[in-house]
């Protein structure tokens, strides 16, 4: 059967993108770029909105926890729903909720005198949308990939997504310094609206109806079986429950405080986050060409550098030093991210992508609300520097423990990544995140996969 996107016979073919990058892949990538342009600046803006309203480091942690708590509560339900309903509809609905909540947050800050409970409530609504969006988005991306180009496709997607984070973080920090955090939050709301509109144009005309399941609980049990019977999967998810918690707390709470007290304000912190984004692009660029045979061994070794940002903040390093360690950690975690997504694509059945992704996200962010809530009290009890050194030590410890799992050391790349039946049609041989994901990384509170 010919592709619906193929050129008419005899007509010249103009290649503006790789043959494996179909319409849906392009729309998914474009939407991720737009979202990351807004969200990276909004993460900084939320912290400084709390501080400018007179809040403390503990209040910053409470607002950050309000975003992640709904992830813990709704992720598994979101994964089951995304494997039952058309994934693009779940994504658009989640983007709509994100847009409304961030717009409300922006109006609240721009109007002046925002209350802590109001900021927590609106942030929680945004987190709820994310809980439903992330499993659907990761399942969508994985299901559009097949064949030998999977590694390259995942790397290119993450490169584009994280590249947008560079501009978003740097521009967001600069905009906060000049215009205040409210306008950055408004830009994030607009970005969600644009991204949702792009995802609404995904071509689902050839999507097969999903077979009826045995109910929500039965679907969740099936997903859990996929996780618990794979030691490499549950061990790395447990690892990232600690890594995401301590790194997320350091970046969401301690980073803005160190920037305020030692670096000169939000702009230098935004620059440091931008260098993390540059590092992720470098890592993704490397993974476009490099296909390590031992996927998880190489990936896990690249988690150790995530201890560097916490250590750099503990010193604290000057801005240029912090930018260096952020670059190194960004490059390293991107190597992990591509290898993780390739492993998931190789090992997990397509019809269970979103549920397994939901367990991945759930395990990875389960401790983040507690960590961000306790970051302020930990600073008061032990001192900021001690808390940050403790965060760095935990990253090293849990990553070393994962290397004891035989499957992590022995998992190898298949000669050709398994061929799946794409949920969405792509032109010619089909192929195309969180974690992360969704890209992204533990620095942005994503799971092991994105």
Protein backbone atom coordinates (compact mmCIF):
# COMPACT_ATOMS: atom_id res chain seq x y z
CA UNK A 1 0.00 0.00 0.00
CA UNK A 2 1.43 3.35 -0.99
CA UNK A 3 1.97 6.04 1.57
CA UNK A 4 -0.70 8.78 1.68
CA UNK A 5 2.14 11.27 1.67
CA UNK A 6 3.98 9.85 -1.37
CA UNK A 7 4.54 12.07 -4.38
CA UNK A 8 2.66 11.26 -7.62
CA UNK A 9 4.49 8.83 -9.96
CA UNK A 10 7.02 10.56 -12.15
CA UNK A 11 7.04 13.79 -10.16
CA UNK A 12 10.31 15.12 -8.74
CA UNK A 13 10.81 14.39 -5.05
CA UNK A 14 12.06 17.22 -2.90
CA UNK A 15 13.60 16.14 0.39
CA UNK A 16 13.18 18.82 3.01
CA UNK A 17 13.52 16.29 5.84
CA UNK A 18 14.72 12.71 6.24
CA UNK A 19 12.51 10.05 4.65
CA UNK A 20 11.70 8.61 8.09
CA UNK A 21 10.51 11.97 9.48
CA UNK A 22 6.85 11.94 8.51
CA UNK A 23 4.13 14.53 9.01
CA UNK A 24 3.22 13.38 12.49
CA UNK A 25 6.85 13.26 13.60
CA UNK A 26 7.31 16.81 12.33
CA UNK A 27 4.19 18.04 14.13
CA UNK A 28 5.21 16.32 17.37
CA UNK A 29 8.69 17.80 17.19
CA UNK A 30 7.42 21.29 16.36
CA UNK A 31 4.94 21.22 19.23
CA UNK A 32 7.64 20.05 21.65
CA UNK A 33 9.88 22.92 20.55
CA UNK A 34 7.15 25.49 21.16
CA UNK A 35 6.27 24.03 24.56
CA UNK A 36 9.88 23.99 25.72
CA UNK A 37 10.44 27.58 24.66
CA UNK A 38 7.73 28.59 27.11
CA UNK A 39 8.13 26.08 29.92
CA UNK A 40 11.84 26.53 30.59
CA UNK A 41 11.35 30.21 31.26
CA UNK A 42 8.17 29.58 33.23
CA UNK A 43 9.97 27.25 35.64
CA UNK A 44 12.29 30.08 36.61
CA UNK A 45 9.42 32.57 36.60
CA UNK A 46 7.35 30.56 39.07
CA UNK A 47 10.20 30.51 41.60
CA UNK A 48 10.87 34.23 41.30
CA UNK A 49 7.14 35.03 41.43
CA UNK A 50 7.07 33.43 44.87
CA UNK A 51 10.22 35.26 45.99
CA UNK A 52 8.98 38.64 44.70
CA UNK A 53 5.72 38.10 46.59
CA UNK A 54 7.76 37.89 49.79
CA UNK A 55 7.96 34.10 49.94
CA UNK A 56 10.84 32.11 51.39
CA UNK A 57 12.82 29.17 50.08
CA UNK A 58 10.28 26.91 51.79
CA UNK A 59 7.45 28.63 49.90
CA UNK A 60 9.28 28.08 46.62
CA UNK A 61 9.46 24.40 47.54
CA UNK A 62 5.74 24.27 48.32
CA UNK A 63 4.83 25.71 44.91
CA UNK A 64 7.19 23.27 43.19
CA UNK A 65 5.65 20.42 45.19
CA UNK A 66 2.16 21.56 44.18
CA UNK A 67 3.13 20.98 40.54
CA UNK A 68 4.56 17.51 41.08
CA UNK A 69 2.01 16.11 43.54
CA UNK A 70 -0.71 15.74 40.84
CA UNK A 71 1.86 13.88 38.74
CA UNK A 72 2.11 11.28 41.47
CA UNK A 73 -1.66 11.10 41.88
CA UNK A 74 -2.78 10.97 38.24
CA UNK A 75 0.09 9.58 36.16
CA UNK A 76 -1.01 5.94 36.24
CA UNK A 77 -4.57 6.86 35.33
CA UNK A 78 -3.23 9.06 32.55
CA UNK A 79 -1.16 6.18 31.17
CA UNK A 80 -4.09 3.78 31.14
CA UNK A 81 -6.33 6.35 29.44
CA UNK A 82 -3.67 7.10 26.81
CA UNK A 83 -3.53 3.40 25.87
CA UNK A 84 -7.34 3.34 25.55
CA UNK A 85 -8.20 6.65 23.86
CA UNK A 86 -6.57 8.32 20.84
CA UNK A 87 -3.36 9.67 22.31
CA UNK A 88 -3.48 12.95 20.38
CA UNK A 89 -6.84 13.84 21.99
CA UNK A 90 -5.43 13.27 25.45
CA UNK A 91 -2.47 15.49 24.58
CA UNK A 92 -4.62 18.34 23.25
CA UNK A 93 -6.94 18.24 26.29
CA UNK A 94 -3.93 18.32 28.62
CA UNK A 95 -2.39 21.25 26.73
CA UNK A 96 -5.67 23.14 27.10
CA UNK A 97 -5.62 22.71 30.87
CA UNK A 98 -1.95 23.76 30.97
CA UNK A 99 -2.76 26.88 28.95
CA UNK A 100 -5.65 27.91 31.20
CA UNK A 101 -3.74 27.34 34.43
CA UNK A 102 -0.62 29.20 33.29
CA UNK A 103 -2.73 32.08 31.97
CA UNK A 104 -4.44 32.32 35.36
CA UNK A 105 -1.05 32.27 37.11
CA UNK A 106 0.17 35.06 34.83
CA UNK A 107 -2.90 37.24 35.50
CA UNK A 108 -2.52 36.65 39.23
CA UNK A 109 1.13 37.74 39.24
CA UNK A 110 0.59 40.71 36.90
CA UNK A 111 -2.33 41.94 39.02
CA UNK A 112 -0.05 42.06 42.05
CA UNK A 113 -0.09 40.56 45.57
CA UNK A 114 -0.53 36.87 44.66
CA UNK A 115 -1.22 34.62 47.63
CA UNK A 116 0.74 31.44 48.19
CA UNK A 117 -2.35 29.20 48.13
CA UNK A 118 -3.46 30.72 44.82
CA UNK A 119 -0.09 30.05 43.20
CA UNK A 120 -0.08 26.50 44.56
CA UNK A 121 -3.60 25.84 43.23
CA UNK A 122 -2.85 27.07 39.70
CA UNK A 123 0.46 25.24 39.65
CA UNK A 124 -1.34 22.05 40.74
CA UNK A 125 -3.76 22.39 37.80
CA UNK A 126 -0.80 22.66 35.44
CA UNK A 127 0.72 19.57 37.04
CA UNK A 128 -2.56 17.70 36.53
CA UNK A 129 -2.46 18.44 32.82
CA UNK A 130 1.13 17.25 32.69
CA UNK A 131 0.16 13.97 34.40
CA UNK A 132 -2.19 13.11 31.54
CA UNK A 133 0.03 14.57 28.83
CA UNK A 134 3.35 12.85 29.53
CA UNK A 135 2.38 9.17 29.11
CA UNK A 136 0.34 9.98 25.99
CA UNK A 137 3.17 12.02 24.50
CA UNK A 138 5.83 9.39 25.12
CA UNK A 139 3.58 6.64 23.82
CA UNK A 140 2.84 8.73 20.75
CA UNK A 141 6.48 9.30 19.94
CA UNK A 142 7.55 5.71 20.56
CA UNK A 143 4.70 4.37 18.43
CA UNK A 144 5.79 6.40 15.39
CA UNK A 145 9.24 4.84 15.37
CA UNK A 146 10.45 1.61 13.82
CA UNK A 147 13.51 0.16 12.15
CA UNK A 148 17.14 1.07 12.23
CA UNK A 149 16.59 4.85 12.40
CA UNK A 150 15.05 4.81 15.90
CA UNK A 151 18.24 5.93 17.67
CA UNK A 152 18.72 8.83 15.26
CA UNK A 153 15.06 9.83 15.39
CA UNK A 154 14.97 9.94 19.20
CA UNK A 155 18.22 11.92 19.25
CA UNK A 156 16.94 14.46 16.72
CA UNK A 157 13.66 14.88 18.58
CA UNK A 158 15.45 15.47 21.86
CA UNK A 159 17.94 17.79 20.20
CA UNK A 160 15.17 19.98 18.84
CA UNK A 161 13.24 19.91 22.12
CA UNK A 162 16.23 20.70 24.31
CA UNK A 163 17.53 23.27 21.87
CA UNK A 164 14.33 25.18 22.44
CA UNK A 165 15.07 24.98 26.15
CA UNK A 166 18.26 26.96 25.62
CA UNK A 167 16.40 29.93 24.24
CA UNK A 168 13.55 29.48 26.70
CA UNK A 169 15.75 29.46 29.80
CA UNK A 170 18.02 32.32 28.70
CA UNK A 171 15.17 34.44 27.37
CA UNK A 172 13.02 33.65 30.40
CA UNK A 173 15.73 34.74 32.84
CA UNK A 174 16.31 37.95 30.89
CA UNK A 175 12.57 38.69 30.64
CA UNK A 176 12.11 38.18 34.38
CA UNK A 177 14.90 40.66 35.07
CA UNK A 178 13.41 43.26 32.71
CA UNK A 179 9.64 42.67 32.75
CA UNK A 180 8.97 40.48 35.76
CA UNK A 181 7.84 36.84 36.02
CA UNK A 182 4.19 37.47 35.11
CA UNK A 183 4.90 38.07 31.43
CA UNK A 184 7.02 34.93 31.19
CA UNK A 185 4.11 32.91 32.57
CA UNK A 186 1.85 34.53 29.96
CA UNK A 187 4.25 33.48 27.20
CA UNK A 188 4.13 29.92 28.55
CA UNK A 189 0.32 29.94 28.37
CA UNK A 190 0.48 31.07 24.73
CA UNK A 191 3.03 28.35 23.97
CA UNK A 192 0.69 25.67 25.31
CA UNK A 193 -2.11 27.02 23.13
CA UNK A 194 0.05 26.90 19.99
CA UNK A 195 1.40 23.43 20.80
CA UNK A 196 -2.10 22.08 21.41
CA UNK A 197 -3.23 23.45 18.05
CA UNK A 198 -0.31 21.74 16.28
CA UNK A 199 -1.08 18.40 17.94
CA UNK A 200 -4.72 18.71 16.87
CA UNK A 201 -3.51 18.41 13.24
CA UNK A 202 -1.94 14.98 13.71
CA UNK A 203 -3.10 12.59 10.99
CA UNK A 204 -5.02 9.76 12.63
CA UNK A 205 -7.00 8.64 9.59
CA UNK A 206 -5.28 5.25 9.50
CA UNK A 207 -5.31 4.54 13.23
CA UNK A 208 -6.76 1.15 14.11
CA UNK A 209 -9.34 1.04 16.88
CA UNK A 210 -7.90 -0.31 20.09
CA UNK A 211 -9.31 -3.58 21.32
CA UNK A 212 -11.55 -3.16 24.38
CA UNK A 213 -9.73 -3.97 27.60
CA UNK A 214 -10.87 -5.40 30.90
CA UNK A 215 -11.24 -2.07 32.63
CA UNK A 216 -8.94 0.57 34.05
CA UNK A 217 -7.61 -1.59 36.88
CA UNK A 218 -6.95 -4.50 34.52
CA UNK A 219 -5.04 -2.17 32.20
CA UNK A 220 -2.94 -0.91 35.10
CA UNK A 221 -2.20 -4.49 36.20
CA UNK A 222 -1.00 -5.34 32.68
CA UNK A 223 1.31 -2.35 32.73
CA UNK A 224 2.63 -3.32 36.16
CA UNK A 225 3.44 -6.85 34.95
CA UNK A 226 5.52 -5.34 32.14
CA UNK A 227 7.48 -3.34 34.73
CA UNK A 228 8.01 -5.87 37.53
CA UNK A 229 9.15 -8.66 35.20
CA UNK A 230 12.00 -6.50 33.85
CA UNK A 231 14.71 -5.87 36.50
CA UNK A 232 16.47 -3.34 34.27
CA UNK A 233 13.27 -1.30 34.10
CA UNK A 234 12.19 -1.19 37.73
CA UNK A 235 15.73 -0.74 39.03
CA UNK A 236 16.36 2.34 36.87
CA UNK A 237 12.93 3.75 37.73
CA UNK A 238 13.80 3.38 41.43
CA UNK A 239 17.17 5.00 40.78
CA UNK A 240 15.50 7.99 39.15
CA UNK A 241 12.98 8.33 41.97
CA UNK A 242 15.97 9.49 44.03
CA UNK A 243 17.88 11.26 41.26
CA UNK A 244 14.89 13.29 40.07
CA UNK A 245 13.94 14.17 43.65
CA UNK A 246 17.28 15.54 44.79
CA UNK A 247 18.27 17.15 41.49
CA UNK A 248 14.79 18.62 41.04
CA UNK A 249 14.81 20.07 44.56
CA UNK A 250 18.28 21.53 44.02
CA UNK A 251 17.27 23.20 40.76
CA UNK A 252 13.79 24.33 41.76
CA UNK A 253 14.60 25.59 45.26
CA UNK A 254 18.32 26.01 45.87
CA UNK A 255 19.28 27.18 42.39
CA UNK A 256 17.17 30.37 42.47
CA UNK A 257 18.30 31.06 46.05
CA UNK A 258 22.00 30.69 45.17
CA UNK A 259 21.42 32.88 42.11
CA UNK A 260 19.78 35.55 44.25
CA UNK A 261 22.44 35.51 46.98
CA UNK A 262 25.66 34.87 45.03
CA UNK A 263 25.20 35.13 41.26
CA UNK A 264 23.35 38.42 40.84
CA UNK A 265 19.74 37.37 40.23
CA UNK A 266 17.65 35.37 37.78
CA UNK A 267 19.57 36.11 34.56
CA UNK A 268 22.75 34.19 35.53
CA UNK A 269 20.66 31.23 36.68
CA UNK A 270 18.81 31.30 33.38
CA UNK A 271 22.19 31.33 31.62
CA UNK A 272 23.34 28.29 33.60
CA UNK A 273 20.16 26.42 32.66
CA UNK A 274 20.72 27.44 29.07
CA UNK A 275 24.17 25.82 29.18
CA UNK A 276 22.50 22.66 30.40
CA UNK A 277 20.38 22.90 27.26
CA UNK A 278 23.50 23.38 25.12
CA UNK A 279 24.90 20.24 26.72
CA UNK A 280 21.80 18.25 25.86
CA UNK A 281 22.14 19.32 22.23
CA UNK A 282 25.77 18.22 22.22
CA UNK A 283 24.77 14.87 23.73
CA UNK A 284 21.95 14.37 21.23
CA UNK A 285 24.26 15.34 18.38
CA UNK A 286 26.67 12.66 19.56
CA UNK A 287 23.87 10.09 19.69
CA UNK A 288 22.87 10.85 16.10
CA UNK A 289 25.99 8.94 15.05
CA UNK A 290 26.89 6.77 18.05
CA UNK A 291 25.01 3.55 18.71
CA UNK A 292 26.59 1.94 21.76
CA UNK A 293 26.04 -1.80 21.93
CA UNK A 294 25.45 -1.92 25.69
CA UNK A 295 22.61 0.55 25.88
CA UNK A 296 21.90 0.68 29.60
CA UNK A 297 25.48 0.31 30.81
CA UNK A 298 26.58 3.35 28.81
CA UNK A 299 23.44 5.23 29.78
CA UNK A 300 23.78 4.54 33.50
CA UNK A 301 27.43 5.59 33.56
CA UNK A 302 26.26 8.90 32.14
CA UNK A 303 23.98 9.53 35.14
CA UNK A 304 26.94 10.10 37.49
CA UNK A 305 27.59 13.65 36.15
CA UNK A 306 24.14 14.70 37.38
CA UNK A 307 25.80 15.10 40.78
CA UNK A 308 27.87 18.00 39.42
CA UNK A 309 25.23 20.80 39.43
CA UNK A 310 24.36 20.23 43.10
CA UNK A 311 28.06 20.19 43.96
CA UNK A 312 28.60 23.36 41.92
CA UNK A 313 25.80 25.14 43.77
CA UNK A 314 27.18 23.94 47.10
CA UNK A 315 30.59 25.59 46.58
CA UNK A 316 29.12 27.87 45.07
CA UNK A 317 30.95 28.11 41.76
CA UNK A 318 31.05 31.40 39.83
CA UNK A 319 28.67 31.70 36.91
CA UNK A 320 31.18 30.41 34.33
CA UNK A 321 32.01 27.36 36.47
CA UNK A 322 28.36 26.57 37.02
CA UNK A 323 27.77 26.85 33.27
CA UNK A 324 30.54 24.29 32.64
CA UNK A 325 29.15 21.68 35.03
CA UNK A 326 25.64 22.24 33.70
CA UNK A 327 26.92 21.68 30.15
CA UNK A 328 28.65 18.42 31.11
CA UNK A 329 25.62 17.10 33.00
CA UNK A 330 23.31 18.05 30.12
CA UNK A 331 25.42 16.18 27.57
CA UNK A 332 25.68 13.12 29.80
CA UNK A 333 21.99 12.83 30.62
CA UNK A 334 21.12 13.15 26.95
CA UNK A 335 23.25 10.10 26.17
CA UNK A 336 21.29 8.27 28.85
CA UNK A 337 17.96 9.58 27.55
CA UNK A 338 18.43 8.40 23.96
CA UNK A 339 19.67 4.99 25.09
CA UNK A 340 16.73 4.70 27.48
CA UNK A 341 14.16 5.55 24.83
CA UNK A 342 15.79 3.13 22.39
CA UNK A 343 15.68 0.37 25.01
CA UNK A 344 12.01 1.06 25.78
CA UNK A 345 11.17 1.01 22.07
CA UNK A 346 13.10 -2.23 21.62
CA UNK A 347 11.67 -4.09 24.62
CA UNK A 348 8.11 -2.82 25.32
CA UNK A 349 5.04 -3.78 23.18
CA UNK A 350 3.51 -0.78 21.38
CA UNK A 351 0.03 -1.21 22.86
CA UNK A 352 1.52 -0.89 26.36
CA UNK A 353 3.87 2.06 25.74
CA UNK A 354 1.80 4.65 27.59
CA UNK A 355 1.12 2.46 30.63
CA UNK A 356 4.76 1.50 31.02
CA UNK A 357 5.71 5.14 30.47
CA UNK A 358 3.25 6.12 33.20
CA UNK A 359 4.91 3.75 35.67
CA UNK A 360 8.25 5.19 34.59
CA UNK A 361 7.04 8.73 35.24
CA UNK A 362 5.25 7.72 38.44
CA UNK A 363 8.29 6.08 39.95
CA UNK A 364 10.61 8.84 38.80
CA UNK A 365 8.61 11.75 40.26
CA UNK A 366 7.06 10.00 43.26
CA UNK A 367 9.57 11.46 45.73
CA UNK A 368 9.86 14.89 44.11
CA UNK A 369 7.00 16.58 46.02
CA UNK A 370 8.51 15.41 49.31
CA UNK A 371 11.99 16.52 48.30
CA UNK A 372 10.92 20.00 47.21
CA UNK A 373 8.76 20.41 50.33
CA UNK A 374 11.64 19.40 52.61
CA UNK A 375 14.28 21.45 50.77
CA UNK A 376 13.52 24.58 52.80
CA UNK A 377 13.50 22.83 56.20
CA UNK A 378 16.66 20.91 55.23
CA UNK A 379 18.40 24.19 54.47
CA UNK A 380 17.37 25.54 57.86
CA UNK A 381 18.46 22.39 59.71
CA UNK A 382 21.75 21.57 57.96
CA UNK A 383 22.64 24.60 55.90
CA UNK A 384 22.29 25.07 52.16
CA UNK A 385 25.77 23.83 51.31
CA UNK A 386 25.41 20.61 53.33
CA UNK A 387 22.01 19.87 51.78
CA UNK A 388 23.45 20.31 48.29
CA UNK A 389 26.47 18.08 48.98
CA UNK A 390 24.07 15.46 50.31
CA UNK A 391 22.09 15.66 47.07
CA UNK A 392 25.24 15.07 45.02
CA UNK A 393 26.22 12.09 47.17
CA UNK A 394 22.80 10.45 46.76
CA UNK A 395 23.03 10.66 42.96
CA UNK A 396 26.38 8.88 43.03
CA UNK A 397 25.21 6.23 45.50
CA UNK A 398 21.99 5.13 43.76
CA UNK A 399 23.65 5.14 40.33
CA UNK A 400 26.43 2.87 41.61
CA UNK A 401 23.80 0.50 43.03
CA UNK A 402 22.02 0.20 39.67
CA UNK A 403 25.24 -1.03 38.08
CA UNK A 404 24.94 -4.11 40.29
CA UNK A 405 21.86 -5.25 38.31
CA UNK A 406 23.02 -7.81 35.69
CA UNK A 407 20.42 -6.78 33.09
CA UNK A 408 21.62 -3.19 33.23
CA UNK A 409 25.17 -4.25 32.46
CA UNK A 410 24.23 -6.85 29.81
CA UNK A 411 21.35 -5.26 27.85
CA UNK A 412 22.47 -5.03 24.22
CA UNK A 413 21.12 -3.29 21.17
CA UNK A 414 19.18 -5.52 18.77
CA UNK A 415 20.70 -5.79 15.26
CA UNK A 416 17.75 -3.66 14.14
CA UNK A 417 15.36 -2.05 16.56
CA UNK A 418 12.11 -3.99 16.50
CA UNK A 419 9.55 -2.98 13.94
CA UNK A 420 6.30 -1.81 15.42
CA UNK A 421 3.03 -1.06 13.74
CA UNK A 422 2.95 2.73 13.93
CA UNK A 423 -0.04 4.25 15.63
CA UNK A 424 0.27 7.11 13.17
CA UNK A 425 1.19 6.75 9.50
CA UNK A 426 4.52 8.05 8.32
CA UNK A 427 5.85 8.25 4.78
CA UNK A 428 8.07 5.45 3.53
CA UNK A 429 9.73 3.22 6.13
CA UNK A 430 8.09 4.35 9.34
CA UNK A 431 10.17 5.82 12.17
CA UNK A 432 10.22 9.17 14.01
CA UNK A 433 10.35 10.95 24.91
CA UNK A 434 10.00 12.09 28.75
CA UNK A 435 11.07 11.52 29.92
CA UNK A 436 11.16 12.77 29.43
CA UNK A 437 10.04 12.98 29.25
CA UNK A 438 9.34 14.54 26.84
CA UNK A 439 12.18 14.87 27.05
CA UNK A 440 13.80 16.35 28.94
CA UNK A 441 15.88 15.40 32.04
CA UNK A 442 15.85 15.10 35.81
CA UNK A 443 16.75 18.77 35.91
CA UNK A 444 13.28 19.44 34.59
CA UNK A 445 11.58 16.84 36.74
CA UNK A 446 11.18 14.27 34.02
CA UNK A 447 11.28 10.51 34.30
CA UNK A 448 14.03 8.19 33.38
CA UNK A 449 12.83 8.17 29.82
CA UNK A 450 12.33 11.78 28.98
